[in-house]
Amino acid sequence: MQHDPWQLFSAWLDAATATEPRVPEAMQIATIGTDGMPSLRTVLLKDHDPRGLTFYTNLGSQKARELQATPRAAFLLHYKGLERQVRGEGTVTPVADEEADAYWATRPRGSQVGAWASRQSTEIAGRDELLAAVAEMEARFAGVPVPRPPFWSGFRIAPTRIEFWQGHADRLHDRQVFTREGGGWRRTLLAP
């Protein structure tokens, strides 16, 4: 068994990328509202390394507002075909502007325009309002690169705990838990 959660995470993500029919980087994250209620949604994992798990969003979105108020989150990646899941909890920090700019430059132009047009998590009258905003942004950035909006960036979840769950027959699943201790990790096994 692995003793480095990041090596194991990379191996599992690689296996999912090769075998899962849908988006293997789909990651559920749970945040905490100012009222103490948890909130859950799916984001796309865009990077991972020993610093943590990175995703991007509109900074006016519900998740971004909640993370700015309470910088902690839980996450889950589920790979049904492999009978695997990775879940954990950790602290959250914004990514550096340079990192957000570098990722922004890799996004399709339509996604860049859409990010400018959508005021994520705010009420709209209907789809026509959104499409009109897209048309306005397409005209605004016609013939020029689309810059990263000042209201769009990324967050990194630095896990303090990561659990790797592998399903087996008769519900005798494997559960490895890595818990952050100082500069390293402590690995334990849990009963299913």
N, C-alpha and C. Protein backbone atom coordinates (compact mmCIF):
# COMPACT_ATOMS: atom_id res chain seq x y z
N MET A 1 0.83 -1.19 0.00
CA MET A 1 0.00 0.00 0.00
C MET A 1 0.87 1.25 0.00
N GLN A 2 0.35 2.31 -0.59
CA GLN A 2 1.08 3.57 -0.70
C GLN A 2 1.18 4.26 0.66
N HIS A 3 2.28 5.00 0.85
CA HIS A 3 2.43 5.80 2.06
C HIS A 3 2.44 7.29 1.76
N ASP A 4 2.28 7.67 0.50
CA ASP A 4 2.21 9.06 0.08
C ASP A 4 0.84 9.28 -0.55
N PRO A 5 -0.02 10.10 0.05
CA PRO A 5 -1.36 10.26 -0.51
C PRO A 5 -1.34 10.86 -1.92
N TRP A 6 -0.35 11.68 -2.25
CA TRP A 6 -0.34 12.32 -3.57
C TRP A 6 0.03 11.34 -4.66
N GLN A 7 0.92 10.40 -4.38
CA GLN A 7 1.22 9.36 -5.37
C GLN A 7 -0.01 8.50 -5.61
N LEU A 8 -0.68 8.13 -4.53
CA LEU A 8 -1.88 7.31 -4.66
C LEU A 8 -2.99 8.09 -5.36
N PHE A 9 -3.16 9.36 -5.01
CA PHE A 9 -4.17 10.18 -5.66
C PHE A 9 -3.92 10.25 -7.17
N SER A 10 -2.70 10.51 -7.56
CA SER A 10 -2.36 10.59 -8.99
C SER A 10 -2.63 9.28 -9.70
N ALA A 11 -2.26 8.17 -9.06
CA ALA A 11 -2.49 6.86 -9.67
C ALA A 11 -3.98 6.59 -9.86
N TRP A 12 -4.79 6.92 -8.85
CA TRP A 12 -6.22 6.69 -8.96
C TRP A 12 -6.85 7.62 -10.01
N LEU A 13 -6.43 8.87 -10.07
CA LEU A 13 -6.96 9.79 -11.06
C LEU A 13 -6.57 9.33 -12.47
N ASP A 14 -5.33 8.86 -12.64
CA ASP A 14 -4.90 8.34 -13.94
C ASP A 14 -5.74 7.14 -14.35
N ALA A 15 -6.00 6.23 -13.41
CA ALA A 15 -6.83 5.05 -13.71
C ALA A 15 -8.25 5.48 -14.10
N ALA A 16 -8.79 6.47 -13.39
CA ALA A 16 -10.14 6.95 -13.70
C ALA A 16 -10.16 7.64 -15.05
N THR A 17 -9.14 8.40 -15.37
CA THR A 17 -9.07 9.08 -16.66
C THR A 17 -9.07 8.06 -17.79
N ALA A 18 -8.43 6.92 -17.57
CA ALA A 18 -8.34 5.89 -18.61
C ALA A 18 -9.61 5.05 -18.73
N THR A 19 -10.42 4.97 -17.67
CA THR A 19 -11.53 4.02 -17.68
C THR A 19 -12.92 4.60 -17.48
N GLU A 20 -13.03 5.76 -16.84
CA GLU A 20 -14.35 6.30 -16.53
C GLU A 20 -14.97 6.93 -17.78
N PRO A 21 -16.24 6.65 -18.06
CA PRO A 21 -16.87 7.18 -19.27
C PRO A 21 -17.22 8.66 -19.19
N ARG A 22 -17.31 9.21 -18.02
CA ARG A 22 -17.68 10.61 -17.86
C ARG A 22 -16.49 11.40 -17.34
N VAL A 23 -16.72 12.53 -16.78
CA VAL A 23 -15.68 13.47 -16.38
C VAL A 23 -14.98 12.99 -15.10
N PRO A 24 -13.78 12.41 -15.20
CA PRO A 24 -13.11 11.90 -14.00
C PRO A 24 -12.63 12.98 -13.04
N GLU A 25 -12.52 14.23 -13.54
CA GLU A 25 -12.07 15.32 -12.68
C GLU A 25 -13.23 16.02 -11.98
N ALA A 26 -14.45 15.48 -12.12
CA ALA A 26 -15.59 16.05 -11.40
C ALA A 26 -15.39 15.82 -9.89
N MET A 27 -15.41 16.89 -9.14
CA MET A 27 -15.14 16.83 -7.71
C MET A 27 -16.26 17.56 -6.98
N GLN A 28 -16.87 16.89 -6.03
CA GLN A 28 -17.88 17.55 -5.21
C GLN A 28 -17.16 18.26 -4.08
N ILE A 29 -17.58 19.49 -3.82
CA ILE A 29 -17.03 20.21 -2.67
C ILE A 29 -18.18 20.71 -1.81
N ALA A 30 -17.97 20.63 -0.52
CA ALA A 30 -18.94 21.13 0.45
C ALA A 30 -18.31 22.32 1.16
N THR A 31 -19.09 23.38 1.27
CA THR A 31 -18.68 24.58 1.97
C THR A 31 -19.67 24.83 3.10
N ILE A 32 -19.40 25.86 3.89
CA ILE A 32 -20.25 26.17 5.03
C ILE A 32 -20.77 27.60 4.86
N GLY A 33 -22.08 27.77 4.89
CA GLY A 33 -22.68 29.09 4.77
C GLY A 33 -22.55 29.88 6.05
N THR A 34 -22.82 31.17 5.97
CA THR A 34 -22.75 32.02 7.16
C THR A 34 -23.80 31.62 8.19
N ASP A 35 -24.84 30.90 7.74
CA ASP A 35 -25.86 30.40 8.65
C ASP A 35 -25.50 29.04 9.24
N GLY A 36 -24.30 28.54 8.92
CA GLY A 36 -23.84 27.25 9.44
C GLY A 36 -24.30 26.05 8.63
N MET A 37 -25.12 26.29 7.59
CA MET A 37 -25.61 25.18 6.76
C MET A 37 -24.54 24.77 5.75
N PRO A 38 -24.37 23.45 5.55
CA PRO A 38 -23.45 23.00 4.52
C PRO A 38 -24.08 23.19 3.14
N SER A 39 -23.24 23.35 2.14
CA SER A 39 -23.68 23.51 0.76
C SER A 39 -22.76 22.67 -0.11
N LEU A 40 -23.34 21.90 -1.02
CA LEU A 40 -22.58 20.95 -1.83
C LEU A 40 -22.80 21.22 -3.31
N ARG A 41 -21.74 21.12 -4.10
CA ARG A 41 -21.85 21.24 -5.55
C ARG A 41 -20.67 20.53 -6.20
N THR A 42 -20.74 20.38 -7.54
CA THR A 42 -19.66 19.76 -8.29
C THR A 42 -18.86 20.84 -9.01
N VAL A 43 -17.55 20.73 -8.93
CA VAL A 43 -16.63 21.60 -9.66
C VAL A 43 -15.68 20.70 -10.44
N LEU A 44 -14.83 21.28 -11.26
CA LEU A 44 -13.84 20.50 -11.98
C LEU A 44 -12.47 20.69 -11.36
N LEU A 45 -11.87 19.60 -10.96
CA LEU A 45 -10.50 19.62 -10.44
C LEU A 45 -9.58 19.97 -11.59
N LYS A 46 -8.83 21.03 -11.46
CA LYS A 46 -7.97 21.48 -12.54
C LYS A 46 -6.49 21.22 -12.29
N ASP A 47 -6.12 20.99 -11.05
CA ASP A 47 -4.72 20.69 -10.74
C ASP A 47 -4.66 20.04 -9.37
N HIS A 48 -3.64 19.24 -9.17
CA HIS A 48 -3.38 18.65 -7.86
C HIS A 48 -1.88 18.44 -7.72
N ASP A 49 -1.40 18.69 -6.54
CA ASP A 49 -0.01 18.47 -6.20
C ASP A 49 0.07 18.47 -4.67
N PRO A 50 1.24 18.31 -4.10
CA PRO A 50 1.30 18.26 -2.63
C PRO A 50 0.76 19.50 -1.92
N ARG A 51 0.53 20.58 -2.65
CA ARG A 51 -0.08 21.77 -2.02
C ARG A 51 -1.57 21.59 -1.86
N GLY A 52 -2.20 20.76 -2.73
CA GLY A 52 -3.63 20.55 -2.62
C GLY A 52 -4.34 20.37 -3.95
N LEU A 53 -5.66 20.56 -3.91
CA LEU A 53 -6.55 20.35 -5.05
C LEU A 53 -7.08 21.71 -5.49
N THR A 54 -6.94 22.03 -6.79
CA THR A 54 -7.26 23.36 -7.28
C THR A 54 -8.46 23.34 -8.22
N PHE A 55 -9.35 24.32 -8.03
CA PHE A 55 -10.48 24.53 -8.94
C PHE A 55 -10.66 26.04 -9.10
N TYR A 56 -11.45 26.42 -10.11
CA TYR A 56 -11.64 27.84 -10.45
C TYR A 56 -13.12 28.18 -10.46
N THR A 57 -13.42 29.46 -10.20
CA THR A 57 -14.82 29.89 -10.14
C THR A 57 -14.92 31.41 -10.18
N ASN A 58 -16.14 31.87 -10.34
CA ASN A 58 -16.47 33.27 -10.20
C ASN A 58 -16.40 33.61 -8.71
N LEU A 59 -15.70 34.67 -8.38
CA LEU A 59 -15.53 35.03 -6.96
C LEU A 59 -16.80 35.56 -6.32
N GLY A 60 -17.82 35.83 -7.12
CA GLY A 60 -19.11 36.23 -6.59
C GLY A 60 -20.05 35.06 -6.38
N SER A 61 -19.63 33.86 -6.74
CA SER A 61 -20.47 32.67 -6.59
C SER A 61 -20.69 32.35 -5.12
N GLN A 62 -21.72 31.58 -4.86
CA GLN A 62 -22.01 31.18 -3.49
C GLN A 62 -20.81 30.46 -2.87
N LYS A 63 -20.22 29.52 -3.61
CA LYS A 63 -19.09 28.77 -3.05
C LYS A 63 -17.92 29.68 -2.71
N ALA A 64 -17.62 30.64 -3.60
CA ALA A 64 -16.50 31.54 -3.34
C ALA A 64 -16.77 32.42 -2.13
N ARG A 65 -17.98 32.94 -2.03
CA ARG A 65 -18.32 33.78 -0.87
C ARG A 65 -18.21 32.97 0.42
N GLU A 66 -18.70 31.73 0.38
CA GLU A 66 -18.63 30.89 1.57
C GLU A 66 -17.19 30.53 1.92
N LEU A 67 -16.36 30.27 0.92
CA LEU A 67 -14.96 29.94 1.19
C LEU A 67 -14.19 31.14 1.71
N GLN A 68 -14.54 32.32 1.25
CA GLN A 68 -13.88 33.52 1.75
C GLN A 68 -14.27 33.79 3.21
N ALA A 69 -15.51 33.46 3.57
CA ALA A 69 -15.97 33.67 4.95
C ALA A 69 -15.47 32.57 5.88
N THR A 70 -15.47 31.33 5.40
CA THR A 70 -15.04 30.17 6.19
C THR A 70 -14.14 29.33 5.29
N PRO A 71 -12.83 29.53 5.36
CA PRO A 71 -11.93 28.89 4.40
C PRO A 71 -11.62 27.42 4.72
N ARG A 72 -12.67 26.63 4.75
CA ARG A 72 -12.55 25.17 4.94
C ARG A 72 -13.56 24.50 4.02
N ALA A 73 -13.20 23.31 3.54
CA ALA A 73 -14.10 22.59 2.63
C ALA A 73 -13.86 21.10 2.76
N ALA A 74 -14.87 20.35 2.36
CA ALA A 74 -14.76 18.90 2.20
C ALA A 74 -14.88 18.62 0.71
N PHE A 75 -14.27 17.51 0.27
CA PHE A 75 -14.30 17.18 -1.15
C PHE A 75 -14.52 15.69 -1.33
N LEU A 76 -15.00 15.32 -2.53
CA LEU A 76 -15.24 13.93 -2.88
C LEU A 76 -15.07 13.75 -4.37
N LEU A 77 -14.30 12.75 -4.77
CA LEU A 77 -14.24 12.29 -6.15
C LEU A 77 -14.70 10.85 -6.13
N HIS A 78 -15.67 10.51 -7.00
CA HIS A 78 -16.25 9.16 -7.00
C HIS A 78 -16.05 8.54 -8.37
N TYR A 79 -15.51 7.31 -8.39
CA TYR A 79 -15.27 6.58 -9.62
C TYR A 79 -16.05 5.28 -9.57
N LYS A 80 -17.30 5.36 -10.03
CA LYS A 80 -18.23 4.23 -9.91
C LYS A 80 -17.70 2.97 -10.56
N GLY A 81 -17.18 3.09 -11.79
CA GLY A 81 -16.70 1.91 -12.50
C GLY A 81 -15.54 1.22 -11.83
N LEU A 82 -14.74 1.95 -11.11
CA LEU A 82 -13.59 1.39 -10.41
C LEU A 82 -13.91 1.03 -8.96
N GLU A 83 -15.13 1.35 -8.53
CA GLU A 83 -15.54 1.17 -7.13
C GLU A 83 -14.55 1.87 -6.20
N ARG A 84 -14.30 3.15 -6.51
CA ARG A 84 -13.37 3.94 -5.70
C ARG A 84 -13.95 5.31 -5.41
N GLN A 85 -13.54 5.84 -4.28
CA GLN A 85 -13.79 7.24 -3.99
C GLN A 85 -12.64 7.79 -3.16
N VAL A 86 -12.41 9.07 -3.34
CA VAL A 86 -11.41 9.80 -2.56
C VAL A 86 -12.16 10.95 -1.92
N ARG A 87 -12.06 11.05 -0.61
CA ARG A 87 -12.74 12.15 0.08
C ARG A 87 -11.83 12.71 1.15
N GLY A 88 -12.11 13.93 1.55
CA GLY A 88 -11.29 14.54 2.58
C GLY A 88 -11.79 15.91 2.97
N GLU A 89 -11.03 16.53 3.85
CA GLU A 89 -11.33 17.86 4.34
C GLU A 89 -10.03 18.63 4.41
N GLY A 90 -10.16 19.96 4.35
CA GLY A 90 -8.95 20.76 4.47
C GLY A 90 -9.23 22.24 4.51
N THR A 91 -8.16 22.99 4.57
CA THR A 91 -8.23 24.44 4.56
C THR A 91 -8.14 24.93 3.12
N VAL A 92 -8.68 26.11 2.89
CA VAL A 92 -8.77 26.64 1.53
C VAL A 92 -8.09 27.99 1.45
N THR A 93 -7.31 28.18 0.39
CA THR A 93 -6.67 29.47 0.12
C THR A 93 -6.87 29.83 -1.35
N PRO A 94 -6.89 31.12 -1.66
CA PRO A 94 -6.96 31.52 -3.06
C PRO A 94 -5.63 31.20 -3.76
N VAL A 95 -5.69 30.93 -5.05
CA VAL A 95 -4.46 30.74 -5.81
C VAL A 95 -3.87 32.11 -6.13
N ALA A 96 -2.60 32.13 -6.47
CA ALA A 96 -1.94 33.38 -6.86
C ALA A 96 -2.50 33.86 -8.20
N ASP A 97 -2.48 35.18 -8.42
CA ASP A 97 -2.96 35.74 -9.68
C ASP A 97 -2.25 35.13 -10.87
N GLU A 98 -0.95 34.89 -10.76
CA GLU A 98 -0.18 34.33 -11.87
C GLU A 98 -0.68 32.93 -12.22
N GLU A 99 -1.04 32.15 -11.22
CA GLU A 99 -1.56 30.81 -11.45
C GLU A 99 -2.94 30.87 -12.11
N ALA A 100 -3.79 31.78 -11.64
CA ALA A 100 -5.12 31.94 -12.25
C ALA A 100 -4.99 32.42 -13.69
N ASP A 101 -4.06 33.35 -13.94
CA ASP A 101 -3.85 33.84 -15.30
C ASP A 101 -3.39 32.71 -16.22
N ALA A 102 -2.48 31.88 -15.74
CA ALA A 102 -1.96 30.78 -16.56
C ALA A 102 -3.08 29.80 -16.90
N TYR A 103 -3.92 29.46 -15.92
CA TYR A 103 -5.01 28.55 -16.22
C TYR A 103 -6.03 29.22 -17.15
N TRP A 104 -6.35 30.48 -16.90
CA TRP A 104 -7.31 31.20 -17.73
C TRP A 104 -6.90 31.13 -19.21
N ALA A 105 -5.62 31.26 -19.49
CA ALA A 105 -5.13 31.26 -20.87
C ALA A 105 -5.37 29.93 -21.57
N THR A 106 -5.59 28.86 -20.82
CA THR A 106 -5.84 27.54 -21.43
C THR A 106 -7.31 27.29 -21.71
N ARG A 107 -8.19 28.12 -21.19
CA ARG A 107 -9.64 27.90 -21.34
C ARG A 107 -10.09 28.23 -22.76
N PRO A 108 -11.07 27.50 -23.27
CA PRO A 108 -11.63 27.85 -24.57
C PRO A 108 -12.22 29.26 -24.54
N ARG A 109 -12.14 29.94 -25.66
CA ARG A 109 -12.62 31.31 -25.74
C ARG A 109 -14.08 31.43 -25.30
N GLY A 110 -14.92 30.47 -25.69
CA GLY A 110 -16.32 30.51 -25.29
C GLY A 110 -16.50 30.48 -23.78
N SER A 111 -15.66 29.70 -23.10
CA SER A 111 -15.72 29.66 -21.64
C SER A 111 -15.24 30.97 -21.03
N GLN A 112 -14.25 31.60 -21.67
CA GLN A 112 -13.78 32.90 -21.18
C GLN A 112 -14.87 33.95 -21.31
N VAL A 113 -15.51 33.99 -22.48
CA VAL A 113 -16.59 34.96 -22.70
C VAL A 113 -17.74 34.69 -21.72
N GLY A 114 -18.07 33.40 -21.55
CA GLY A 114 -19.14 33.03 -20.63
C GLY A 114 -18.86 33.46 -19.20
N ALA A 115 -17.59 33.38 -18.79
CA ALA A 115 -17.24 33.81 -17.43
C ALA A 115 -17.49 35.30 -17.25
N TRP A 116 -17.19 36.10 -18.27
CA TRP A 116 -17.46 37.54 -18.20
C TRP A 116 -18.96 37.81 -18.17
N ALA A 117 -19.72 37.02 -18.94
CA ALA A 117 -21.16 37.28 -19.09
C ALA A 117 -21.99 36.87 -17.89
N SER A 118 -21.56 35.82 -17.20
CA SER A 118 -22.37 35.27 -16.12
C SER A 118 -21.96 35.84 -14.77
N ARG A 119 -22.91 36.37 -14.07
CA ARG A 119 -22.72 36.78 -12.67
C ARG A 119 -23.21 35.60 -11.83
N GLN A 120 -22.35 34.61 -11.74
CA GLN A 120 -22.72 33.32 -11.15
C GLN A 120 -23.41 33.47 -9.80
N SER A 121 -24.47 32.68 -9.64
CA SER A 121 -25.24 32.59 -8.40
C SER A 121 -26.18 33.78 -8.18
N THR A 122 -26.29 34.69 -9.14
CA THR A 122 -27.26 35.78 -9.01
C THR A 122 -28.50 35.43 -9.82
N GLU A 123 -29.64 35.97 -9.41
CA GLU A 123 -30.89 35.71 -10.12
C GLU A 123 -30.90 36.39 -11.47
N ILE A 124 -31.49 35.69 -12.46
CA ILE A 124 -31.69 36.27 -13.79
C ILE A 124 -33.15 36.07 -14.18
N ALA A 125 -33.62 36.89 -15.10
CA ALA A 125 -35.01 36.80 -15.54
C ALA A 125 -35.25 35.57 -16.41
N GLY A 126 -34.23 35.14 -17.12
CA GLY A 126 -34.37 33.98 -18.00
C GLY A 126 -33.11 33.80 -18.82
N ARG A 127 -33.10 32.74 -19.62
CA ARG A 127 -31.93 32.42 -20.43
C ARG A 127 -31.60 33.53 -21.43
N ASP A 128 -32.63 34.22 -21.93
CA ASP A 128 -32.40 35.30 -22.88
C ASP A 128 -31.49 36.38 -22.29
N GLU A 129 -31.65 36.65 -21.01
CA GLU A 129 -30.79 37.65 -20.34
C GLU A 129 -29.33 37.20 -20.39
N LEU A 130 -29.09 35.93 -20.12
CA LEU A 130 -27.72 35.39 -20.15
C LEU A 130 -27.17 35.45 -21.57
N LEU A 131 -27.95 35.04 -22.56
CA LEU A 131 -27.49 35.04 -23.94
C LEU A 131 -27.20 36.46 -24.44
N ALA A 132 -27.98 37.43 -23.98
CA ALA A 132 -27.72 38.83 -24.34
C ALA A 132 -26.40 39.29 -23.73
N ALA A 133 -26.12 38.87 -22.52
CA ALA A 133 -24.85 39.24 -21.87
C ALA A 133 -23.67 38.60 -22.61
N VAL A 134 -23.85 37.36 -23.08
CA VAL A 134 -22.80 36.70 -23.86
C VAL A 134 -22.55 37.47 -25.15
N ALA A 135 -23.61 37.86 -25.85
CA ALA A 135 -23.46 38.62 -27.09
C ALA A 135 -22.73 39.94 -26.84
N GLU A 136 -23.07 40.59 -25.72
CA GLU A 136 -22.41 41.85 -25.36
C GLU A 136 -20.91 41.64 -25.13
N MET A 137 -20.56 40.57 -24.43
CA MET A 137 -19.15 40.29 -24.17
C MET A 137 -18.41 39.86 -25.44
N GLU A 138 -19.08 39.11 -26.31
CA GLU A 138 -18.45 38.73 -27.58
C GLU A 138 -18.11 39.98 -28.40
N ALA A 139 -19.03 40.96 -28.39
CA ALA A 139 -18.77 42.21 -29.10
C ALA A 139 -17.65 42.99 -28.42
N ARG A 140 -17.65 43.02 -27.12
CA ARG A 140 -16.64 43.78 -26.36
C ARG A 140 -15.23 43.25 -26.63
N PHE A 141 -15.10 41.92 -26.76
CA PHE A 141 -13.77 41.32 -26.94
C PHE A 141 -13.52 40.82 -28.35
N ALA A 142 -14.30 41.31 -29.32
CA ALA A 142 -14.13 40.89 -30.71
C ALA A 142 -12.71 41.21 -31.19
N GLY A 143 -12.04 40.19 -31.70
CA GLY A 143 -10.71 40.38 -32.29
C GLY A 143 -9.57 40.55 -31.33
N VAL A 144 -9.83 40.43 -30.02
CA VAL A 144 -8.75 40.57 -29.03
C VAL A 144 -8.81 39.41 -28.04
N PRO A 145 -7.69 39.08 -27.40
CA PRO A 145 -7.74 38.05 -26.36
C PRO A 145 -8.66 38.48 -25.22
N VAL A 146 -9.33 37.51 -24.64
CA VAL A 146 -10.24 37.79 -23.52
C VAL A 146 -9.43 37.76 -22.22
N PRO A 147 -9.32 38.88 -21.52
CA PRO A 147 -8.54 38.89 -20.28
C PRO A 147 -9.30 38.19 -19.15
N ARG A 148 -8.56 37.76 -18.15
CA ARG A 148 -9.21 37.16 -16.98
C ARG A 148 -9.95 38.25 -16.21
N PRO A 149 -11.24 38.01 -15.91
CA PRO A 149 -11.98 39.02 -15.14
C PRO A 149 -11.41 39.17 -13.73
N PRO A 150 -11.51 40.34 -13.16
CA PRO A 150 -11.03 40.52 -11.78
C PRO A 150 -11.87 39.75 -10.77
N PHE A 151 -13.05 39.30 -11.19
CA PHE A 151 -13.95 38.55 -10.30
C PHE A 151 -13.89 37.05 -10.54
N TRP A 152 -12.82 36.55 -11.15
CA TRP A 152 -12.69 35.13 -11.48
C TRP A 152 -11.30 34.67 -11.08
N SER A 153 -11.24 33.58 -10.29
CA SER A 153 -9.94 33.06 -9.88
C SER A 153 -10.11 31.63 -9.38
N GLY A 154 -9.12 31.16 -8.66
CA GLY A 154 -9.15 29.78 -8.18
C GLY A 154 -8.94 29.67 -6.68
N PHE A 155 -9.23 28.47 -6.20
CA PHE A 155 -9.02 28.13 -4.80
C PHE A 155 -8.28 26.80 -4.74
N ARG A 156 -7.52 26.64 -3.68
CA ARG A 156 -6.82 25.38 -3.44
C ARG A 156 -7.22 24.83 -2.08
N ILE A 157 -7.68 23.58 -2.09
CA ILE A 157 -7.98 22.88 -0.84
C ILE A 157 -6.72 22.14 -0.42
N ALA A 158 -6.16 22.50 0.72
CA ALA A 158 -4.99 21.81 1.28
C ALA A 158 -5.51 20.79 2.28
N PRO A 159 -5.61 19.53 1.88
CA PRO A 159 -6.22 18.54 2.77
C PRO A 159 -5.44 18.35 4.07
N THR A 160 -6.21 18.21 5.14
CA THR A 160 -5.64 17.80 6.42
C THR A 160 -5.95 16.32 6.66
N ARG A 161 -6.88 15.80 5.84
CA ARG A 161 -7.27 14.39 5.91
C ARG A 161 -7.74 13.96 4.53
N ILE A 162 -7.26 12.80 4.07
CA ILE A 162 -7.69 12.22 2.79
C ILE A 162 -7.98 10.75 3.02
N GLU A 163 -9.15 10.31 2.58
CA GLU A 163 -9.51 8.90 2.67
C GLU A 163 -9.67 8.31 1.27
N PHE A 164 -9.02 7.16 1.06
CA PHE A 164 -9.14 6.41 -0.19
C PHE A 164 -9.96 5.16 0.10
N TRP A 165 -11.09 5.04 -0.58
CA TRP A 165 -12.03 3.94 -0.37
C TRP A 165 -12.05 3.08 -1.61
N GLN A 166 -11.79 1.79 -1.44
CA GLN A 166 -11.84 0.83 -2.55
C GLN A 166 -12.89 -0.21 -2.23
N GLY A 167 -13.91 -0.31 -3.09
CA GLY A 167 -14.97 -1.27 -2.86
C GLY A 167 -14.53 -2.71 -3.12
N HIS A 168 -15.10 -3.64 -2.35
CA HIS A 168 -14.85 -5.08 -2.51
C HIS A 168 -16.15 -5.84 -2.25
N ALA A 169 -16.16 -7.09 -2.62
CA ALA A 169 -17.33 -7.95 -2.42
C ALA A 169 -17.68 -8.05 -0.94
N ASP A 170 -18.93 -8.31 -0.69
CA ASP A 170 -19.44 -8.50 0.67
C ASP A 170 -19.22 -7.28 1.56
N ARG A 171 -19.10 -6.13 0.95
CA ARG A 171 -18.92 -4.86 1.65
C ARG A 171 -17.68 -4.84 2.55
N LEU A 172 -16.69 -5.66 2.18
CA LEU A 172 -15.42 -5.69 2.92
C LEU A 172 -14.44 -4.74 2.23
N HIS A 173 -14.78 -3.47 2.25
CA HIS A 173 -14.03 -2.45 1.52
C HIS A 173 -12.72 -2.10 2.21
N ASP A 174 -11.77 -1.60 1.40
CA ASP A 174 -10.51 -1.07 1.93
C ASP A 174 -10.68 0.42 2.15
N ARG A 175 -10.22 0.90 3.31
CA ARG A 175 -10.26 2.32 3.61
C ARG A 175 -8.91 2.73 4.18
N GLN A 176 -8.18 3.52 3.43
CA GLN A 176 -6.90 4.08 3.88
C GLN A 176 -7.12 5.55 4.18
N VAL A 177 -6.67 6.00 5.32
CA VAL A 177 -6.81 7.40 5.70
C VAL A 177 -5.42 7.98 5.94
N PHE A 178 -5.18 9.13 5.31
CA PHE A 178 -3.94 9.87 5.51
C PHE A 178 -4.30 11.15 6.26
N THR A 179 -3.66 11.36 7.41
CA THR A 179 -3.93 12.53 8.23
C THR A 179 -2.65 13.35 8.33
N ARG A 180 -2.78 14.65 8.07
CA ARG A 180 -1.61 15.54 8.11
C ARG A 180 -1.09 15.62 9.53
N GLU A 181 0.21 15.38 9.67
CA GLU A 181 0.88 15.51 10.97
C GLU A 181 2.18 16.25 10.75
N GLY A 182 2.24 17.50 11.20
CA GLY A 182 3.44 18.30 10.99
C GLY A 182 3.70 18.46 9.50
N GLY A 183 4.90 18.09 9.06
CA GLY A 183 5.24 18.19 7.65
C GLY A 183 4.98 16.93 6.87
N GLY A 184 4.38 15.93 7.49
CA GLY A 184 4.16 14.66 6.80
C GLY A 184 2.75 14.15 6.97
N TRP A 185 2.60 12.86 6.73
CA TRP A 185 1.29 12.22 6.78
C TRP A 185 1.36 10.96 7.63
N ARG A 186 0.30 10.72 8.38
CA ARG A 186 0.13 9.46 9.13
C ARG A 186 -0.93 8.65 8.40
N ARG A 187 -0.62 7.38 8.10
CA ARG A 187 -1.55 6.52 7.38
C ARG A 187 -2.14 5.51 8.34
N THR A 188 -3.47 5.39 8.30
CA THR A 188 -4.18 4.39 9.10
C THR A 188 -5.19 3.67 8.21
N LEU A 189 -5.62 2.53 8.66
CA LEU A 189 -6.66 1.77 7.98
C LEU A 189 -7.90 1.78 8.83
N LEU A 190 -9.07 1.84 8.18
CA LEU A 190 -10.35 1.84 8.90
C LEU A 190 -11.16 0.62 8.49
N ALA A 191 -11.93 0.10 9.41
CA ALA A 191 -12.86 -0.98 9.09
C ALA A 191 -13.93 -0.43 8.16
N PRO A 192 -14.45 -1.27 7.27
CA PRO A 192 -15.46 -0.78 6.34
C PRO A 192 -16.78 -0.50 7.04
